[in-house]
Amino acid sequence: MNEETARILLAHGNGGRLMRELIAGIFARHLGNPLLDTDADAVALPRLDGEIMVTTDGFTVQPLEFPGGDLGSLAVHGVVNDLAVAGAEPRYLTLSALIEEGLELPTLERLIASLADAARAAGVAVVAGDTKVVRRGEGGGLYLSVAGIGVKRAATLDLRRVQAGDAVLVSGPVGDHGIAVMLAREQFGLSGELRSDCASVLPLARAVWELPGLRFMRDPTRGGLATVCHEIARATGHTVVLTQASVPLRPEVVSVCEMLGYDPYYLACEGRIVAVTDASAAGELLERWRAVRGGEDAAIIGRIDEAGARVILETELGGRRVIDELEDDPLPRIC
């Protein structure tokens, strides 16, 4: 394979032979299943056994591959997780790939193979897709847009059900993904072995879907834990109070944040759930999460107070500080 054929060319997007070979040789070979027909403009899905839920998301990250994951697995987990925390069992995905001219074909193949592995592990099938090629310098190597279809299994999850006195929980340490990606870029002369938390939260969600008292779940991706808490505060008019000593953080995340001035509560996670539950059910939810792989470090991290739509952190020194809503993005192209 010479240098020219080892990279994406504009001709890979022109509808001709190279495009056909790209789709067949990489996408269809890794993603193939009985429902995926690369010669059809649309496919018919089997009848689903319940209320249908749909979500869609776009994914970009630099570098494309990082410790603990890559753009391919990130795209599947992101959509599967959105369905899972909404109370839906994921079934089908569609995939749109915007590929930059010059991307190495072996890199593209690794990413699509990883995407296929993540889809199979989550029990979902990619049933339709599209590819486009953009000129060199007009993209970040590869952008992925994924839509997901699922079947509703938990009927009562809704921000509007959150009440004063409820407990706030998180399924594991926060900030791992944001710092792992930053370290993979070797910015500021830093490097490390921290792995992203990029993973499916479907097993964690399934474990608590039917738990009485569960009000709401969200995966804290862009904007992290702080942004989810602000969503809760805005929707309910209540104050979200976090206890600093209870929020799980890895030492590596704390060290990098202290050195560079980042706040870990704003950093993206890609394999965590923030949940709000009736206080009487918090212990049961915590026990269920800790019994599931990936939930061993789950914790009760705060509560919902009656007055004022804001987010407050109770510090380890006994003080209280307001956590403002995120404005700047210190780590672009994270997810």
Protein backbone atom coordinates (compact mmCIF):
# COMPACT_ATOMS: atom_id res chain seq x y z
CA MET A 1 0.00 0.00 0.00
CA ASN A 2 1.61 3.27 -1.10
CA GLU A 3 1.28 6.66 0.59
CA GLU A 4 -1.54 7.80 -1.69
CA THR A 5 -3.75 4.75 -1.30
CA ALA A 6 -3.07 4.60 2.45
CA ARG A 7 -4.91 7.89 3.02
CA ILE A 8 -8.38 9.25 2.39
CA LEU A 9 -8.66 11.09 -0.93
CA LEU A 10 -11.40 13.44 -2.09
CA ALA A 11 -12.23 10.69 -4.58
CA HIS A 12 -13.33 8.49 -1.66
CA GLY A 13 -16.39 10.74 -1.46
CA ASN A 14 -17.30 11.14 -5.12
CA GLY A 15 -19.71 8.22 -5.39
CA GLY A 16 -17.40 6.12 -7.56
CA ARG A 17 -15.21 3.06 -7.18
CA LEU A 18 -13.07 4.33 -4.30
CA MET A 19 -16.14 5.30 -2.30
CA ARG A 20 -17.74 1.93 -2.93
CA GLU A 21 -14.55 0.14 -1.88
CA LEU A 22 -14.25 2.30 1.25
CA ILE A 23 -17.80 1.51 2.35
CA ALA A 24 -17.48 -2.19 1.59
CA GLY A 25 -13.92 -2.66 2.82
CA ILE A 26 -14.17 -0.79 6.13
CA PHE A 27 -17.70 0.19 7.14
CA ALA A 28 -19.75 -2.77 5.91
CA ARG A 29 -17.04 -5.29 6.81
CA HIS A 30 -16.96 -4.19 10.46
CA LEU A 31 -20.56 -3.05 10.94
CA GLY A 32 -22.31 -5.67 8.81
CA ASN A 33 -25.54 -7.21 10.14
CA PRO A 34 -28.73 -8.56 8.53
CA LEU A 35 -30.42 -5.12 8.57
CA LEU A 36 -27.53 -3.10 7.11
CA ASP A 37 -27.98 -2.76 3.34
CA THR A 38 -25.36 -0.44 1.86
CA ASP A 39 -27.17 -0.40 -1.48
CA ALA A 40 -30.47 0.91 -0.04
CA ASP A 41 -31.49 4.48 0.74
CA ALA A 42 -33.60 3.34 3.71
CA VAL A 43 -34.23 0.17 5.68
CA ALA A 44 -37.29 -1.27 7.43
CA LEU A 45 -36.90 -2.11 11.12
CA PRO A 46 -38.70 -4.91 12.94
CA ARG A 47 -41.65 -3.83 15.09
CA LEU A 48 -40.43 -2.73 18.52
CA ASP A 49 -42.08 -3.97 21.70
CA GLY A 50 -42.82 -0.69 23.45
CA GLU A 51 -42.68 3.08 23.31
CA ILE A 52 -39.88 4.24 20.98
CA MET A 53 -37.26 6.74 22.12
CA VAL A 54 -34.84 8.47 19.74
CA THR A 55 -31.67 10.50 20.29
CA THR A 56 -28.86 11.89 18.14
CA ASP A 57 -25.41 13.31 18.82
CA GLY A 58 -22.23 14.41 17.08
CA PHE A 59 -18.73 13.44 18.18
CA THR A 60 -15.29 14.98 17.77
CA VAL A 61 -12.19 14.54 19.88
CA GLN A 62 -8.46 15.28 19.54
CA PRO A 63 -6.56 13.03 19.51
CA LEU A 64 -8.82 10.52 17.78
CA GLU A 65 -7.38 7.75 19.97
CA PHE A 66 -6.69 8.22 23.68
CA PRO A 67 -6.05 6.01 26.73
CA GLY A 68 -9.27 4.16 27.52
CA GLY A 69 -11.04 4.80 24.24
CA ASP A 70 -11.23 6.46 20.85
CA LEU A 71 -13.68 8.36 18.68
CA GLY A 72 -15.36 5.16 17.50
CA SER A 73 -16.20 3.73 20.91
CA LEU A 74 -16.98 7.23 22.21
CA ALA A 75 -19.67 7.70 19.55
CA VAL A 76 -21.45 4.46 20.43
CA HIS A 77 -21.21 4.95 24.17
CA GLY A 78 -22.41 8.54 23.93
CA VAL A 79 -25.66 7.59 22.19
CA VAL A 80 -26.23 4.35 24.10
CA ASN A 81 -25.72 6.25 27.34
CA ASP A 82 -28.19 8.99 26.39
CA LEU A 83 -30.84 6.35 25.80
CA ALA A 84 -29.95 4.39 28.94
CA VAL A 85 -30.21 7.33 31.34
CA ALA A 86 -33.54 8.26 29.74
CA GLY A 87 -34.81 4.81 30.65
CA ALA A 88 -34.57 3.18 27.22
CA GLU A 89 -33.08 -0.11 26.07
CA PRO A 90 -30.94 0.77 22.99
CA ARG A 91 -31.67 -1.25 19.86
CA TYR A 92 -30.46 0.46 16.66
CA LEU A 93 -27.98 3.11 15.52
CA THR A 94 -27.38 5.09 12.36
CA LEU A 95 -23.94 6.47 11.52
CA SER A 96 -22.80 9.44 9.46
CA ALA A 97 -19.03 9.84 8.99
CA LEU A 98 -17.41 13.08 7.81
CA ILE A 99 -13.85 12.13 6.89
CA GLU A 100 -11.07 14.63 6.25
CA GLU A 101 -8.91 14.22 3.18
CA GLY A 102 -5.54 12.83 4.23
CA LEU A 103 -6.76 10.70 7.15
CA GLU A 104 -4.77 7.47 7.20
CA LEU A 105 -6.87 4.49 6.18
CA PRO A 106 -5.46 2.24 8.94
CA THR A 107 -6.55 4.85 11.50
CA LEU A 108 -10.04 4.96 10.03
CA GLU A 109 -10.24 1.18 10.06
CA ARG A 110 -9.21 1.01 13.74
CA LEU A 111 -11.83 3.58 14.69
CA ILE A 112 -14.66 1.87 12.81
CA ALA A 113 -13.62 -1.53 14.18
CA SER A 114 -13.72 -0.05 17.68
CA LEU A 115 -17.15 1.43 16.97
CA ALA A 116 -18.39 -1.97 15.81
CA ASP A 117 -17.00 -3.70 18.91
CA ALA A 118 -18.70 -1.16 21.20
CA ALA A 119 -22.01 -1.58 19.35
CA ARG A 120 -21.90 -5.36 19.64
CA ALA A 121 -21.05 -5.14 23.35
CA ALA A 122 -24.06 -2.88 23.90
CA GLY A 123 -26.35 -5.17 21.90
CA VAL A 124 -27.16 -2.57 19.24
CA ALA A 125 -26.99 -2.81 15.45
CA VAL A 126 -25.89 -0.09 13.03
CA VAL A 127 -28.66 -0.23 10.45
CA ALA A 128 -27.97 2.77 8.17
CA GLY A 129 -25.18 5.21 7.44
CA ASP A 130 -23.49 7.68 5.15
CA THR A 131 -19.95 8.89 4.41
CA LYS A 132 -18.71 12.26 3.21
CA VAL A 133 -15.16 13.47 2.53
CA VAL A 134 -14.18 17.09 3.27
CA ARG A 135 -11.07 18.87 2.02
CA ARG A 136 -7.82 18.74 3.96
CA GLY A 137 -7.87 21.37 6.71
CA GLU A 138 -11.68 21.52 6.86
CA GLY A 139 -12.14 18.81 9.49
CA GLY A 140 -10.58 17.23 12.54
CA GLY A 141 -9.64 13.98 10.82
CA LEU A 142 -13.00 12.37 11.44
CA TYR A 143 -16.36 13.57 12.72
CA LEU A 144 -19.09 11.04 13.58
CA SER A 145 -22.80 11.71 13.89
CA VAL A 146 -24.87 8.92 15.43
CA ALA A 147 -28.61 8.55 15.97
CA GLY A 148 -30.02 5.94 18.33
CA ILE A 149 -33.37 4.20 18.66
CA GLY A 150 -34.44 2.47 21.84
CA VAL A 151 -37.47 1.10 23.68
CA LYS A 152 -38.64 2.80 26.85
CA ARG A 153 -38.30 0.62 29.94
CA ALA A 154 -38.43 3.14 32.82
CA ALA A 155 -41.59 5.22 32.61
CA THR A 156 -41.07 7.73 35.42
CA LEU A 157 -37.71 9.46 34.82
CA ASP A 158 -38.31 13.21 34.55
CA LEU A 159 -36.56 16.35 35.82
CA ARG A 160 -39.94 17.66 36.90
CA ARG A 161 -40.20 14.88 39.51
CA VAL A 162 -37.15 16.14 41.43
CA GLN A 163 -38.13 17.46 44.87
CA ALA A 164 -36.49 19.26 47.78
CA GLY A 165 -34.96 16.69 50.11
CA ASP A 166 -33.93 14.32 47.32
CA ALA A 167 -30.41 12.87 47.20
CA VAL A 168 -27.87 13.36 44.39
CA LEU A 169 -25.57 10.47 43.43
CA VAL A 170 -22.81 9.80 40.91
CA SER A 171 -21.78 6.36 39.67
CA GLY A 172 -18.00 6.93 39.85
CA PRO A 173 -15.11 9.42 39.80
CA VAL A 174 -15.67 12.52 37.68
CA GLY A 175 -13.30 14.28 35.29
CA ASP A 176 -11.39 11.21 34.09
CA HIS A 177 -12.25 11.65 30.42
CA GLY A 178 -11.39 15.34 30.24
CA ILE A 179 -8.01 14.93 31.90
CA ALA A 180 -7.14 11.69 30.05
CA VAL A 181 -7.70 13.38 26.69
CA MET A 182 -5.71 16.44 27.74
CA LEU A 183 -2.80 14.26 28.89
CA ALA A 184 -2.95 12.33 25.60
CA ARG A 185 -2.32 15.64 23.80
CA GLU A 186 0.81 16.12 25.96
CA GLN A 187 -0.10 19.76 26.42
CA PHE A 188 1.78 21.91 28.93
CA GLY A 189 4.54 19.30 28.99
CA LEU A 190 2.32 16.87 30.89
CA SER A 191 1.69 13.20 30.25
CA GLY A 192 0.29 10.36 32.30
CA GLU A 193 -1.37 6.95 32.43
CA LEU A 194 -4.88 8.07 33.40
CA ARG A 195 -7.52 6.32 31.30
CA SER A 196 -10.77 7.82 30.12
CA ASP A 197 -13.95 6.52 31.71
CA CYS A 198 -15.38 6.07 28.19
CA ALA A 199 -17.82 3.16 28.59
CA SER A 200 -21.43 2.10 28.32
CA VAL A 201 -23.51 2.96 31.39
CA LEU A 202 -26.29 0.64 30.25
CA PRO A 203 -25.60 -2.00 32.96
CA LEU A 204 -25.69 0.72 35.64
CA ALA A 205 -28.92 2.17 34.28
CA ARG A 206 -30.61 -1.23 33.97
CA ALA A 207 -29.78 -1.96 37.61
CA VAL A 208 -31.90 0.95 38.85
CA TRP A 209 -34.56 1.60 36.17
CA GLU A 210 -37.32 0.08 38.28
CA LEU A 211 -36.10 1.35 41.64
CA PRO A 212 -38.95 3.11 43.50
CA GLY A 213 -38.00 6.69 44.27
CA LEU A 214 -35.65 7.17 41.29
CA ARG A 215 -36.48 10.60 39.83
CA PHE A 216 -33.96 11.40 37.13
CA MET A 217 -30.67 10.35 35.51
CA ARG A 218 -28.21 12.11 33.21
CA ASP A 219 -24.72 11.30 31.88
CA PRO A 220 -22.39 14.23 32.65
CA THR A 221 -20.63 14.69 29.30
CA ARG A 222 -19.87 18.21 28.02
CA GLY A 223 -19.78 20.55 30.99
CA GLY A 224 -19.46 17.70 33.46
CA LEU A 225 -21.12 17.34 36.84
CA ALA A 226 -21.60 21.09 37.30
CA THR A 227 -23.64 21.41 34.10
CA VAL A 228 -25.99 18.56 35.06
CA CYS A 229 -26.53 20.20 38.44
CA HIS A 230 -27.38 23.50 36.74
CA GLU A 231 -29.90 21.70 34.53
CA ILE A 232 -31.57 20.33 37.66
CA ALA A 233 -31.54 23.73 39.37
CA ARG A 234 -33.03 25.55 36.36
CA ALA A 235 -35.77 22.97 35.83
CA THR A 236 -36.84 22.75 39.48
CA GLY A 237 -36.07 26.17 40.94
CA HIS A 238 -34.27 24.38 43.77
CA THR A 239 -30.66 24.54 44.97
CA VAL A 240 -28.36 21.61 44.27
CA VAL A 241 -25.95 21.28 47.18
CA LEU A 242 -22.82 19.19 46.58
CA THR A 243 -20.55 17.96 49.37
CA GLN A 244 -16.93 18.35 48.27
CA ALA A 245 -15.64 15.54 50.48
CA SER A 246 -18.15 13.10 48.95
CA VAL A 247 -17.53 13.74 45.23
CA PRO A 248 -15.20 10.96 44.00
CA LEU A 249 -12.08 12.26 42.21
CA ARG A 250 -8.96 10.37 41.23
CA PRO A 251 -5.67 11.77 42.58
CA GLU A 252 -4.38 12.29 39.02
CA VAL A 253 -7.40 14.47 38.19
CA VAL A 254 -6.97 16.51 41.35
CA SER A 255 -3.24 17.01 40.69
CA VAL A 256 -3.67 18.19 37.09
CA CYS A 257 -6.54 20.48 38.04
CA GLU A 258 -4.50 22.05 40.82
CA MET A 259 -1.51 22.58 38.54
CA LEU A 260 -3.45 24.09 35.64
CA GLY A 261 -6.32 25.77 37.42
CA TYR A 262 -9.11 23.55 36.06
CA ASP A 263 -12.24 22.81 38.06
CA PRO A 264 -12.95 19.05 37.94
CA TYR A 265 -16.71 19.60 38.30
CA TYR A 266 -16.82 21.03 34.75
CA LEU A 267 -14.78 18.26 33.09
CA ALA A 268 -16.45 15.79 30.75
CA CYS A 269 -17.20 12.22 31.77
CA GLU A 270 -18.07 9.51 29.24
CA GLY A 271 -19.00 6.59 31.48
CA ARG A 272 -20.78 8.04 34.51
CA ILE A 273 -24.36 8.68 35.64
CA VAL A 274 -25.66 11.45 37.85
CA ALA A 275 -28.93 10.41 39.49
CA VAL A 276 -31.49 12.08 41.74
CA THR A 277 -33.58 9.88 43.98
CA ASP A 278 -35.85 10.09 46.96
CA ALA A 279 -33.59 10.21 50.01
CA SER A 280 -35.10 6.99 51.35
CA ALA A 281 -34.04 5.12 48.18
CA ALA A 282 -30.50 6.51 47.97
CA GLY A 283 -28.93 3.68 49.95
CA GLU A 284 -30.55 1.01 47.77
CA LEU A 285 -29.47 2.77 44.57
CA LEU A 286 -25.92 3.07 45.87
CA GLU A 287 -25.85 -0.63 46.76
CA ARG A 288 -27.12 -1.63 43.31
CA TRP A 289 -24.57 0.52 41.52
CA ARG A 290 -21.67 -0.73 43.61
CA ALA A 291 -22.61 -4.30 42.67
CA VAL A 292 -22.19 -3.50 38.94
CA ARG A 293 -18.84 -3.28 37.17
CA GLY A 294 -17.99 0.41 36.78
CA GLY A 295 -20.04 1.45 39.79
CA GLU A 296 -17.68 0.34 42.56
CA ASP A 297 -16.86 3.95 43.50
CA ALA A 298 -20.42 5.28 43.33
CA ALA A 299 -21.28 7.84 46.00
CA ILE A 300 -24.03 10.01 47.43
CA ILE A 301 -22.64 13.48 46.70
CA GLY A 302 -25.33 15.97 47.64
CA ARG A 303 -28.96 16.92 48.07
CA ILE A 304 -31.72 19.12 46.70
CA ASP A 305 -32.61 22.12 48.88
CA GLU A 306 -35.81 24.12 48.70
CA ALA A 307 -34.91 27.68 47.75
CA GLY A 308 -33.07 29.26 44.84
CA ALA A 309 -32.08 27.88 41.43
CA ARG A 310 -28.33 27.59 41.97
CA VAL A 311 -25.53 25.12 42.64
CA ILE A 312 -23.59 25.26 45.91
CA LEU A 313 -20.47 23.37 46.95
CA GLU A 314 -19.98 22.68 50.65
CA THR A 315 -16.19 22.68 50.96
CA GLU A 316 -14.02 20.42 53.06
CA LEU A 317 -13.09 23.47 55.15
CA GLY A 318 -16.71 24.03 56.12
CA GLY A 319 -17.39 26.89 53.72
CA ARG A 320 -19.83 27.22 50.85
CA ARG A 321 -19.16 28.49 47.33
CA VAL A 322 -21.38 29.04 44.35
CA ILE A 323 -20.58 26.91 41.29
CA ASP A 324 -21.35 29.14 38.31
CA GLU A 325 -22.67 27.87 35.01
CA LEU A 326 -19.96 26.99 32.49
CA GLU A 327 -19.09 29.66 29.93
CA ASP A 328 -15.60 28.99 28.53
CA ASP A 329 -14.41 25.62 27.22
CA PRO A 330 -10.83 24.99 28.38
CA LEU A 331 -10.58 21.61 26.64
CA PRO A 332 -12.09 21.72 23.11
CA ARG A 333 -12.92 18.63 21.07
CA ILE A 334 -13.43 16.39 24.08
CA CYS A 335 -16.55 14.53 22.93
